[in-house]
């Protein structure tokens, strides 16, 4: 029996040797090739890249062979490559699309295939639906075999992100950075950029190790512990981390405190509005900090809220002038560069903010908390049976829920999951408290997200939320 292949946000992921096999990679590549032939200008070719996971280079070669066999020219990366470098090459070269072999921030035993559309970003749901239809039809087109050309996808990309970030200012400062590639395909990229300009940099986990020892390559706690320790030990002014395929960012303040994606978004947004004065609107996902709303309001910028997933942010970037858009998991992008999240670019932009403001990262975050009120964030992933997950979501949706623990529910929103706004202390002008219950569509997992005006309240809300789920 043929194994079922399910596509997620912008591609397919599976467990190596179980779902992720070369046979299944050929099926996915055949569907992509058929889509490109039917709906794109196939002679513009397809860009193929890969990350640092087990079997990624070989799987990328399999993809290239299948696509080329359909008569579509292929440019194949000659080295491990960040996902945004593939997206950049697609847009810059006017390619018909791009394929990236990666499983992003998943554990070591996963791999997958992402498809990037001709505009240089994650394929829209409509494009993914067409690829799924080709998949269901067992498409494996054959034509006059086209060439597979091995190319360097990183050189032009690095030039572009450096031009966008303004490296001259960073080079003039005396700040010292710790950089963590988390054994991912961002390996060597940021250290190379900094070294070329004489910027002090301590690089960790840049070596090739597809087992990602001791971590998932996701720039959140606890996986950032080595980076936090390095920042303190080496007396760095900030730590910068990219995930397995280098499209997401995490950071560490000078005292070793982890800086989550919400605070990174806020630091960058404030700088773009106050210093750069770039035009455009702001987009954030449903589960991100309310501080973004306050910064946008202060500067008179329209704010859009989307469902969870960067594809919704990218969709808006194609329709409107979006200054900046981002999601909870560390994906942040800019219309004027690419409708794509980019961990390398955002690392450079954070360094750029520090250089222009003359402050280490922790100070920049403290400035925000002072001006826009204390905002603290928390997330908890509950691995629970499917029936418990469904029961919790049904009870959360029910109209009769008046309170959560000892807190009164002020209102509920249902854009993506169920979000409770609670009557809780704001400690002056701090965050308006909320708790979001969101069930995973692909596994027995329920995520709790919360924001409040103190770390103590965040901890309490996560406890209350878990108690509600397990009732």
Protein backbone atom coordinates (compact mmCIF):
# COMPACT_ATOMS: atom_id res chain seq x y z
CA UNK A 1 0.00 0.00 0.00
CA UNK A 2 1.30 3.46 -0.87
CA UNK A 3 2.15 5.57 2.17
CA UNK A 4 0.04 8.70 2.63
CA UNK A 5 1.98 11.96 2.42
CA UNK A 6 0.41 14.96 4.15
CA UNK A 7 1.52 18.50 3.39
CA UNK A 8 1.71 21.03 6.19
CA UNK A 9 2.29 24.79 6.17
CA UNK A 10 4.75 24.91 3.28
CA UNK A 11 5.71 21.32 2.64
CA UNK A 12 6.02 17.83 4.00
CA UNK A 13 7.87 16.42 7.01
CA UNK A 14 8.39 12.86 8.14
CA UNK A 15 10.49 10.58 10.30
CA UNK A 16 13.68 9.46 8.55
CA UNK A 17 13.49 5.87 7.18
CA UNK A 18 9.83 5.58 8.21
CA UNK A 19 8.00 8.29 6.21
CA UNK A 20 10.99 10.21 4.91
CA UNK A 21 12.41 7.75 2.38
CA UNK A 22 13.99 8.38 -1.01
CA UNK A 23 10.95 6.72 -2.60
CA UNK A 24 8.64 9.25 -0.94
CA UNK A 25 11.00 12.12 -1.78
CA UNK A 26 10.69 11.05 -5.45
CA UNK A 27 6.87 11.15 -5.15
CA UNK A 28 6.93 14.66 -3.69
CA UNK A 29 9.47 15.83 -6.29
CA UNK A 30 7.30 14.38 -9.09
CA UNK A 31 4.27 16.31 -7.81
CA UNK A 32 6.32 19.54 -7.65
CA UNK A 33 7.69 18.98 -11.16
CA UNK A 34 4.18 18.41 -12.50
CA UNK A 35 2.90 21.55 -10.75
CA UNK A 36 5.75 23.64 -12.21
CA UNK A 37 5.06 22.29 -15.72
CA UNK A 38 1.33 23.03 -15.54
CA UNK A 39 1.19 26.33 -13.68
CA UNK A 40 4.60 28.05 -13.91
CA UNK A 41 7.14 28.84 -16.63
CA UNK A 42 9.06 25.57 -16.35
CA UNK A 43 11.99 26.75 -18.47
CA UNK A 44 12.87 29.28 -15.77
CA UNK A 45 14.01 26.27 -13.76
CA UNK A 46 13.90 25.23 -10.13
CA UNK A 47 16.39 26.01 -7.34
CA UNK A 48 17.15 23.13 -4.95
CA UNK A 49 18.84 23.54 -1.54
CA UNK A 50 19.34 21.42 1.58
CA UNK A 51 20.08 21.69 5.28
CA UNK A 52 22.57 19.89 7.55
CA UNK A 53 20.35 16.94 8.49
CA UNK A 54 21.05 13.28 7.89
CA UNK A 55 20.49 12.40 4.19
CA UNK A 56 19.62 15.99 3.17
CA UNK A 57 22.33 16.30 0.45
CA UNK A 58 21.35 12.92 -1.01
CA UNK A 59 17.62 13.73 -0.91
CA UNK A 60 18.29 17.08 -2.63
CA UNK A 61 20.10 15.19 -5.39
CA UNK A 62 17.06 12.88 -5.73
CA UNK A 63 14.77 15.93 -6.05
CA UNK A 64 17.09 17.49 -8.65
CA UNK A 65 17.14 14.26 -10.70
CA UNK A 66 13.33 13.89 -10.72
CA UNK A 67 12.76 17.55 -11.66
CA UNK A 68 15.45 17.47 -14.36
CA UNK A 69 13.99 14.23 -15.77
CA UNK A 70 10.76 16.16 -16.37
CA UNK A 71 12.70 18.56 -18.61
CA UNK A 72 12.98 21.34 -16.03
CA UNK A 73 16.47 22.88 -15.55
CA UNK A 74 17.78 22.67 -11.97
CA UNK A 75 20.26 24.71 -9.99
CA UNK A 76 21.40 22.58 -7.07
CA UNK A 77 23.17 24.03 -4.03
CA UNK A 78 26.82 23.00 -3.73
CA UNK A 79 26.72 23.24 0.10
CA UNK A 80 24.37 23.31 3.11
CA UNK A 81 22.23 26.40 2.64
CA UNK A 82 19.83 28.53 4.73
CA UNK A 83 16.23 28.27 3.52
CA UNK A 84 16.01 32.06 2.93
CA UNK A 85 19.02 31.79 0.58
CA UNK A 86 16.98 29.42 -1.60
CA UNK A 87 14.02 31.83 -1.50
CA UNK A 88 16.30 34.74 -2.38
CA UNK A 89 17.78 32.86 -5.34
CA UNK A 90 14.29 32.01 -6.63
CA UNK A 91 13.23 35.66 -6.62
CA UNK A 92 16.54 37.12 -7.80
CA UNK A 93 16.91 34.66 -10.70
CA UNK A 94 13.23 34.62 -11.66
CA UNK A 95 13.02 30.85 -11.15
CA UNK A 96 9.75 28.93 -11.39
CA UNK A 97 10.12 27.80 -7.78
CA UNK A 98 12.46 26.42 -5.16
CA UNK A 99 12.76 23.22 -3.15
CA UNK A 100 14.45 23.02 0.24
CA UNK A 101 15.20 19.68 1.87
CA UNK A 102 14.78 20.41 5.58
CA UNK A 103 12.72 19.68 8.64
CA UNK A 104 13.46 23.12 10.10
CA UNK A 105 13.52 22.96 13.92
CA UNK A 106 12.25 19.35 14.31
CA UNK A 107 14.28 16.74 16.24
CA UNK A 108 17.24 15.01 14.57
CA UNK A 109 15.27 12.00 13.29
CA UNK A 110 12.99 14.10 11.07
CA UNK A 111 13.48 15.49 7.58
CA UNK A 112 11.23 17.03 4.95
CA UNK A 113 10.71 19.03 1.78
CA UNK A 114 9.59 22.67 1.57
CA UNK A 115 8.39 24.31 -1.63
CA UNK A 116 9.09 27.99 -2.30
CA UNK A 117 6.95 29.82 -4.86
CA UNK A 118 8.22 32.02 -7.70
CA UNK A 119 7.85 35.18 -5.56
CA UNK A 120 10.54 33.96 -3.13
CA UNK A 121 8.44 32.86 -0.18
CA UNK A 122 6.45 29.94 1.21
CA UNK A 123 3.91 28.60 -1.26
CA UNK A 124 0.37 29.84 -0.70
CA UNK A 125 -2.31 27.36 0.44
CA UNK A 126 -3.70 27.45 -3.13
CA UNK A 127 -0.32 26.38 -4.57
CA UNK A 128 0.11 23.63 -1.95
CA UNK A 129 -3.38 22.34 -2.81
CA UNK A 130 -2.39 22.02 -6.49
CA UNK A 131 0.81 20.15 -5.53
CA UNK A 132 -1.28 17.83 -3.34
CA UNK A 133 -3.58 17.14 -6.31
CA UNK A 134 -0.55 16.21 -8.45
CA UNK A 135 0.64 14.00 -5.59
CA UNK A 136 -2.72 12.23 -5.35
CA UNK A 137 -2.60 11.62 -9.11
CA UNK A 138 0.84 10.02 -8.77
CA UNK A 139 2.40 12.56 -11.13
CA UNK A 140 5.91 11.69 -12.33
CA UNK A 141 6.40 13.62 -15.57
CA UNK A 142 9.13 12.69 -18.03
CA UNK A 143 10.62 14.88 -20.75
CA UNK A 144 13.91 15.58 -22.46
CA UNK A 145 16.27 15.52 -19.48
CA UNK A 146 17.40 19.02 -18.50
CA UNK A 147 20.70 19.99 -16.93
CA UNK A 148 21.46 19.95 -13.19
CA UNK A 149 23.96 22.69 -12.43
CA UNK A 150 25.66 22.90 -9.02
CA UNK A 151 25.83 26.51 -7.80
CA UNK A 152 26.76 28.59 -4.76
CA UNK A 153 23.47 29.90 -3.35
CA UNK A 154 25.07 31.63 -0.36
CA UNK A 155 27.34 34.25 -1.95
CA UNK A 156 24.65 36.50 -3.49
CA UNK A 157 22.36 35.97 -0.51
CA UNK A 158 25.06 37.06 1.96
CA UNK A 159 25.76 40.15 -0.17
CA UNK A 160 22.04 41.00 -0.15
CA UNK A 161 21.44 40.61 3.60
CA UNK A 162 24.58 42.62 4.38
CA UNK A 163 23.41 45.46 2.10
CA UNK A 164 19.96 45.39 3.71
CA UNK A 165 21.31 45.44 7.27
CA UNK A 166 23.92 48.18 6.85
CA UNK A 167 27.08 46.46 8.06
CA UNK A 168 29.28 49.58 8.15
CA UNK A 169 27.74 50.75 11.42
CA UNK A 170 28.08 47.31 13.02
CA UNK A 171 31.75 47.16 11.97
CA UNK A 172 32.48 50.48 13.70
CA UNK A 173 31.14 49.42 17.10
CA UNK A 174 33.05 47.43 19.68
CA UNK A 175 30.20 45.06 20.45
CA UNK A 176 30.99 41.37 20.82
CA UNK A 177 28.52 38.71 19.70
CA UNK A 178 28.08 35.01 20.39
CA UNK A 179 26.60 33.18 17.40
CA UNK A 180 24.92 29.77 17.58
CA UNK A 181 24.04 27.88 14.36
CA UNK A 182 22.58 24.98 16.42
CA UNK A 183 24.37 22.56 14.01
CA UNK A 184 22.04 23.89 11.28
CA UNK A 185 22.52 25.14 7.74
CA UNK A 186 23.32 28.66 8.95
CA UNK A 187 26.72 27.21 9.90
CA UNK A 188 29.56 29.59 9.16
CA UNK A 189 27.35 32.30 7.65
CA UNK A 190 27.15 34.85 10.48
CA UNK A 191 30.70 34.15 11.75
CA UNK A 192 31.97 34.70 8.18
CA UNK A 193 30.07 37.99 7.82
CA UNK A 194 31.38 39.26 11.17
CA UNK A 195 34.97 38.07 10.60
CA UNK A 196 35.15 39.82 7.23
CA UNK A 197 34.36 43.12 8.93
CA UNK A 198 36.45 42.67 12.06
CA UNK A 199 33.43 42.32 14.37
CA UNK A 200 34.22 40.33 17.54
CA UNK A 201 32.36 37.01 17.41
CA UNK A 202 32.38 33.78 19.41
CA UNK A 203 30.89 31.00 17.28
CA UNK A 204 29.38 27.81 18.73
CA UNK A 205 27.73 24.68 17.30
CA UNK A 206 28.84 25.52 13.75
CA UNK A 207 30.14 22.01 13.03
CA UNK A 208 28.26 19.39 11.06
CA UNK A 209 26.46 16.98 13.40
CA UNK A 210 23.09 15.71 12.15
CA UNK A 211 22.31 14.25 15.59
CA UNK A 212 22.00 17.79 17.05
CA UNK A 213 23.44 16.41 20.33
CA UNK A 214 21.37 17.33 23.37
CA UNK A 215 19.03 19.75 21.55
CA UNK A 216 16.36 20.26 18.95
CA UNK A 217 17.66 22.93 16.57
CA UNK A 218 15.04 25.42 17.76
CA UNK A 219 16.22 28.78 19.18
CA UNK A 220 14.10 28.66 22.35
CA UNK A 221 14.80 27.45 25.88
CA UNK A 222 16.14 24.97 26.94
CA UNK A 223 18.02 24.53 23.64
CA UNK A 224 19.70 27.95 24.01
CA UNK A 225 21.45 27.05 27.30
CA UNK A 226 24.91 26.70 25.71
CA UNK A 227 24.51 30.08 24.01
CA UNK A 228 23.39 31.71 27.28
CA UNK A 229 26.41 30.28 29.11
CA UNK A 230 28.74 31.37 26.29
CA UNK A 231 27.45 34.97 26.35
CA UNK A 232 28.16 35.26 30.10
CA UNK A 233 31.51 33.44 30.04
CA UNK A 234 32.85 35.36 27.02
CA UNK A 235 31.39 38.72 28.19
CA UNK A 236 29.40 39.22 24.97
CA UNK A 237 26.90 42.03 24.39
CA UNK A 238 24.37 39.68 22.80
CA UNK A 239 23.89 36.11 21.62
CA UNK A 240 22.27 35.32 18.26
CA UNK A 241 20.84 31.90 17.34
CA UNK A 242 19.36 30.51 14.12
CA UNK A 243 17.35 27.29 13.81
CA UNK A 244 18.00 24.16 11.75
CA UNK A 245 17.43 25.83 8.39
CA UNK A 246 18.29 29.37 9.57
CA UNK A 247 14.93 31.00 8.88
CA UNK A 248 14.11 31.65 12.56
CA UNK A 249 15.87 33.66 15.25
CA UNK A 250 16.38 33.53 19.01
CA UNK A 251 18.60 35.81 21.10
CA UNK A 252 20.33 36.20 24.45
CA UNK A 253 20.94 39.40 26.43
CA UNK A 254 24.34 40.40 27.83
CA UNK A 255 23.49 38.91 31.26
CA UNK A 256 22.57 35.52 29.75
CA UNK A 257 18.80 36.07 29.79
CA UNK A 258 16.96 34.45 26.88
CA UNK A 259 15.23 37.01 24.64
CA UNK A 260 12.19 35.53 22.92
CA UNK A 261 10.90 36.31 19.43
CA UNK A 262 8.25 38.73 20.77
CA UNK A 263 10.84 41.04 22.27
CA UNK A 264 13.06 40.69 19.20
CA UNK A 265 10.09 41.73 17.02
CA UNK A 266 9.41 44.74 19.28
CA UNK A 267 13.06 45.90 19.35
CA UNK A 268 13.28 45.71 15.55
CA UNK A 269 9.87 47.30 14.95
CA UNK A 270 10.55 50.27 17.20
CA UNK A 271 13.91 50.87 15.48
CA UNK A 272 12.43 50.67 11.98
CA UNK A 273 9.70 53.14 12.90
CA UNK A 274 11.77 55.61 14.91
CA UNK A 275 15.17 55.47 13.20
CA UNK A 276 14.52 54.21 9.67
CA UNK A 277 11.02 55.65 9.29
CA UNK A 278 10.25 53.03 6.64
CA UNK A 279 6.65 53.04 5.36
CA UNK A 280 4.23 50.17 5.65
CA UNK A 281 1.84 48.29 7.89
CA UNK A 282 2.56 45.73 10.59
CA UNK A 283 1.44 42.07 10.76
CA UNK A 284 1.54 39.73 13.72
CA UNK A 285 0.15 36.25 14.33
CA UNK A 286 -2.71 35.61 16.78
CA UNK A 287 -0.38 34.23 19.47
CA UNK A 288 2.13 37.11 19.60
CA UNK A 289 2.64 39.91 22.10
CA UNK A 290 0.23 42.81 22.45
CA UNK A 291 3.22 45.15 22.79
CA UNK A 292 3.44 45.15 18.98
CA UNK A 293 -0.04 46.74 18.89
CA UNK A 294 1.06 49.51 21.24
CA UNK A 295 4.20 50.32 19.22
CA UNK A 296 2.25 50.36 15.94
CA UNK A 297 -0.49 52.56 17.48
CA UNK A 298 2.05 55.08 18.78
CA UNK A 299 3.37 55.53 15.24
CA UNK A 300 -0.03 55.49 13.55
CA UNK A 301 0.61 52.26 11.64
CA UNK A 302 -2.19 49.87 10.69
CA UNK A 303 -1.85 46.52 12.46
CA UNK A 304 -3.06 43.21 10.98
CA UNK A 305 -3.61 40.08 13.06
CA UNK A 306 -3.48 36.71 11.27
CA UNK A 307 -3.93 33.04 12.01
CA UNK A 308 -0.84 31.22 13.26
CA UNK A 309 1.74 30.36 10.58
CA UNK A 310 4.06 32.56 8.52
CA UNK A 311 2.17 31.74 5.30
CA UNK A 312 -0.64 34.06 6.46
CA UNK A 313 1.88 36.85 7.08
CA UNK A 314 3.45 36.23 3.65
CA UNK A 315 0.03 36.31 1.96
CA UNK A 316 -0.51 39.85 3.27
CA UNK A 317 2.99 40.85 2.15
CA UNK A 318 1.99 40.06 -1.41
CA UNK A 319 -1.17 42.17 -1.19
CA UNK A 320 -0.06 45.22 0.79
CA UNK A 321 2.98 47.26 1.76
CA UNK A 322 4.03 45.48 4.94
CA UNK A 323 6.90 47.00 6.88
CA UNK A 324 7.34 43.93 9.05
CA UNK A 325 5.50 40.73 9.84
CA UNK A 326 6.18 37.98 12.32
CA UNK A 327 5.07 34.95 14.30
CA UNK A 328 5.61 33.51 17.77
CA UNK A 329 8.15 30.88 16.69
CA UNK A 330 10.85 33.34 15.62
CA UNK A 331 9.94 33.91 11.98
CA UNK A 332 10.13 37.60 11.00
CA UNK A 333 10.17 39.09 7.49
CA UNK A 334 10.06 42.36 5.54
CA UNK A 335 8.16 43.11 2.31
CA UNK A 336 11.01 45.20 0.95
CA UNK A 337 13.39 42.23 1.15
CA UNK A 338 11.41 38.98 0.69
CA UNK A 339 8.00 37.63 1.81
CA UNK A 340 10.02 35.13 3.85
CA UNK A 341 11.26 34.71 7.41
CA UNK A 342 15.02 34.97 7.81
CA UNK A 343 17.08 34.21 10.92
CA UNK A 344 20.37 35.43 9.43
CA UNK A 345 18.96 38.78 8.30
CA UNK A 346 17.22 39.36 11.63
CA UNK A 347 20.44 38.58 13.53
CA UNK A 348 22.23 41.25 11.51
CA UNK A 349 19.39 43.73 12.02
CA UNK A 350 19.51 43.19 15.80
CA UNK A 351 23.25 43.91 15.69
CA UNK A 352 22.40 46.96 13.58
CA UNK A 353 19.96 48.27 16.23
CA UNK A 354 22.55 47.78 18.98
CA UNK A 355 25.14 49.64 16.92
CA UNK A 356 22.85 52.56 16.13
CA UNK A 357 21.49 52.89 19.68
CA UNK A 358 24.87 52.18 21.31
CA UNK A 359 23.28 49.72 23.76
CA UNK A 360 23.58 46.00 24.46
CA UNK A 361 20.49 43.90 23.76
CA UNK A 362 19.19 43.64 27.33
CA UNK A 363 19.12 47.42 27.65
CA UNK A 364 17.08 47.76 24.47
CA UNK A 365 14.49 45.31 25.87
CA UNK A 366 14.40 47.16 29.22
CA UNK A 367 13.76 50.44 27.36
CA UNK A 368 10.72 48.86 25.68
CA UNK A 369 9.32 47.53 28.96
CA UNK A 370 9.62 51.00 30.46
CA UNK A 371 7.91 52.81 27.60
CA UNK A 372 5.19 50.33 26.61
CA UNK A 373 4.63 48.60 29.95
CA UNK A 374 5.82 45.26 31.34
CA UNK A 375 4.96 42.37 29.00
CA UNK A 376 5.93 38.78 29.85
CA UNK A 377 5.19 35.71 27.77
CA UNK A 378 4.97 31.97 28.28
CA UNK A 379 4.18 28.82 26.33
CA UNK A 380 3.57 25.24 27.41
CA UNK A 381 3.25 22.20 25.12
CA UNK A 382 0.97 19.58 26.65
CA UNK A 383 1.42 16.08 25.23
CA UNK A 384 -1.97 14.61 26.03
CA UNK A 385 -4.35 11.98 24.61
CA UNK A 386 -6.47 13.04 21.63
CA UNK A 387 -9.77 12.76 23.54
CA UNK A 388 -8.47 15.07 26.32
CA UNK A 389 -7.25 17.57 23.69
CA UNK A 390 -10.63 17.66 21.94
CA UNK A 391 -12.55 17.89 25.23
CA UNK A 392 -10.46 20.86 26.41
CA UNK A 393 -11.01 22.78 23.16
CA UNK A 394 -14.78 22.08 23.22
CA UNK A 395 -15.03 23.32 26.83
CA UNK A 396 -12.94 26.40 26.01
CA UNK A 397 -15.24 27.22 23.08
CA UNK A 398 -18.42 26.80 25.16
CA UNK A 399 -20.26 30.02 25.94
CA UNK A 400 -20.69 29.27 29.63
CA UNK A 401 -17.02 29.76 30.63
CA UNK A 402 -17.14 32.76 32.98
CA UNK A 403 -13.78 32.32 34.66
CA UNK A 404 -10.40 30.65 34.41
CA UNK A 405 -9.08 29.75 37.85
CA UNK A 406 -9.70 32.78 40.04
CA UNK A 407 -9.82 35.22 37.11
CA UNK A 408 -12.93 36.51 35.36
CA UNK A 409 -13.05 36.08 31.57
CA UNK A 410 -13.57 39.51 29.96
CA UNK A 411 -13.96 38.22 26.38
CA UNK A 412 -12.95 35.37 24.07
CA UNK A 413 -11.57 35.35 20.53
CA UNK A 414 -11.62 32.37 18.14
CA UNK A 415 -9.39 33.28 15.19
CA UNK A 416 -7.08 30.29 15.73
CA UNK A 417 -7.78 28.26 18.85
CA UNK A 418 -9.56 29.94 21.78
CA UNK A 419 -8.09 33.03 23.46
CA UNK A 420 -9.36 34.12 26.90
CA UNK A 421 -8.78 37.74 27.95
CA UNK A 422 -8.66 37.84 31.76
CA UNK A 423 -9.41 40.42 34.42
CA UNK A 424 -5.92 40.39 35.94
CA UNK A 425 -3.57 43.10 37.29
CA UNK A 426 -1.70 45.11 34.63
CA UNK A 427 0.89 46.49 37.09
CA UNK A 428 0.40 50.03 35.87
CA UNK A 429 0.36 49.99 32.08
CA UNK A 430 1.49 46.39 31.57
CA UNK A 431 0.14 43.68 29.29
CA UNK A 432 -3.55 42.92 29.06
CA UNK A 433 -3.66 39.34 30.29
CA UNK A 434 -4.68 36.51 27.97
CA UNK A 435 -4.42 32.72 27.66
CA UNK A 436 -4.69 30.91 24.30
CA UNK A 437 -5.63 27.23 23.94
CA UNK A 438 -4.64 25.79 20.55
CA UNK A 439 -4.77 22.15 19.52
CA UNK A 440 -2.20 20.74 17.12
CA UNK A 441 -3.77 19.50 13.90
CA UNK A 442 -1.12 16.82 13.37
CA UNK A 443 -0.32 15.27 16.77
CA UNK A 444 -1.79 14.64 20.27
CA UNK A 445 -0.55 17.98 21.52
CA UNK A 446 -2.23 21.09 22.91
CA UNK A 447 -0.33 24.36 23.20
CA UNK A 448 -0.98 26.96 25.84
CA UNK A 449 0.22 30.51 25.20
CA UNK A 450 -0.10 33.35 27.66
CA UNK A 451 0.90 36.97 28.19
CA UNK A 452 0.71 39.01 31.39
CA UNK A 453 2.30 41.93 33.22
CA UNK A 454 4.63 39.84 35.41
CA UNK A 455 6.54 36.55 35.23
CA UNK A 456 4.58 35.34 38.28
CA UNK A 457 1.25 35.85 36.51
CA UNK A 458 2.57 34.04 33.41
CA UNK A 459 3.51 31.02 35.56
CA UNK A 460 0.11 31.11 37.29
CA UNK A 461 -1.79 31.30 33.98
CA UNK A 462 0.13 28.33 32.56
CA UNK A 463 -0.74 26.32 35.71
CA UNK A 464 -4.41 27.37 35.55
CA UNK A 465 -4.54 26.59 31.84
CA UNK A 466 -3.09 23.10 32.32
CA UNK A 467 -5.55 22.40 35.16
CA UNK A 468 -8.42 23.43 32.85
CA UNK A 469 -7.15 21.14 30.08
CA UNK A 470 -6.83 18.11 32.39
CA UNK A 471 -10.21 18.56 34.15
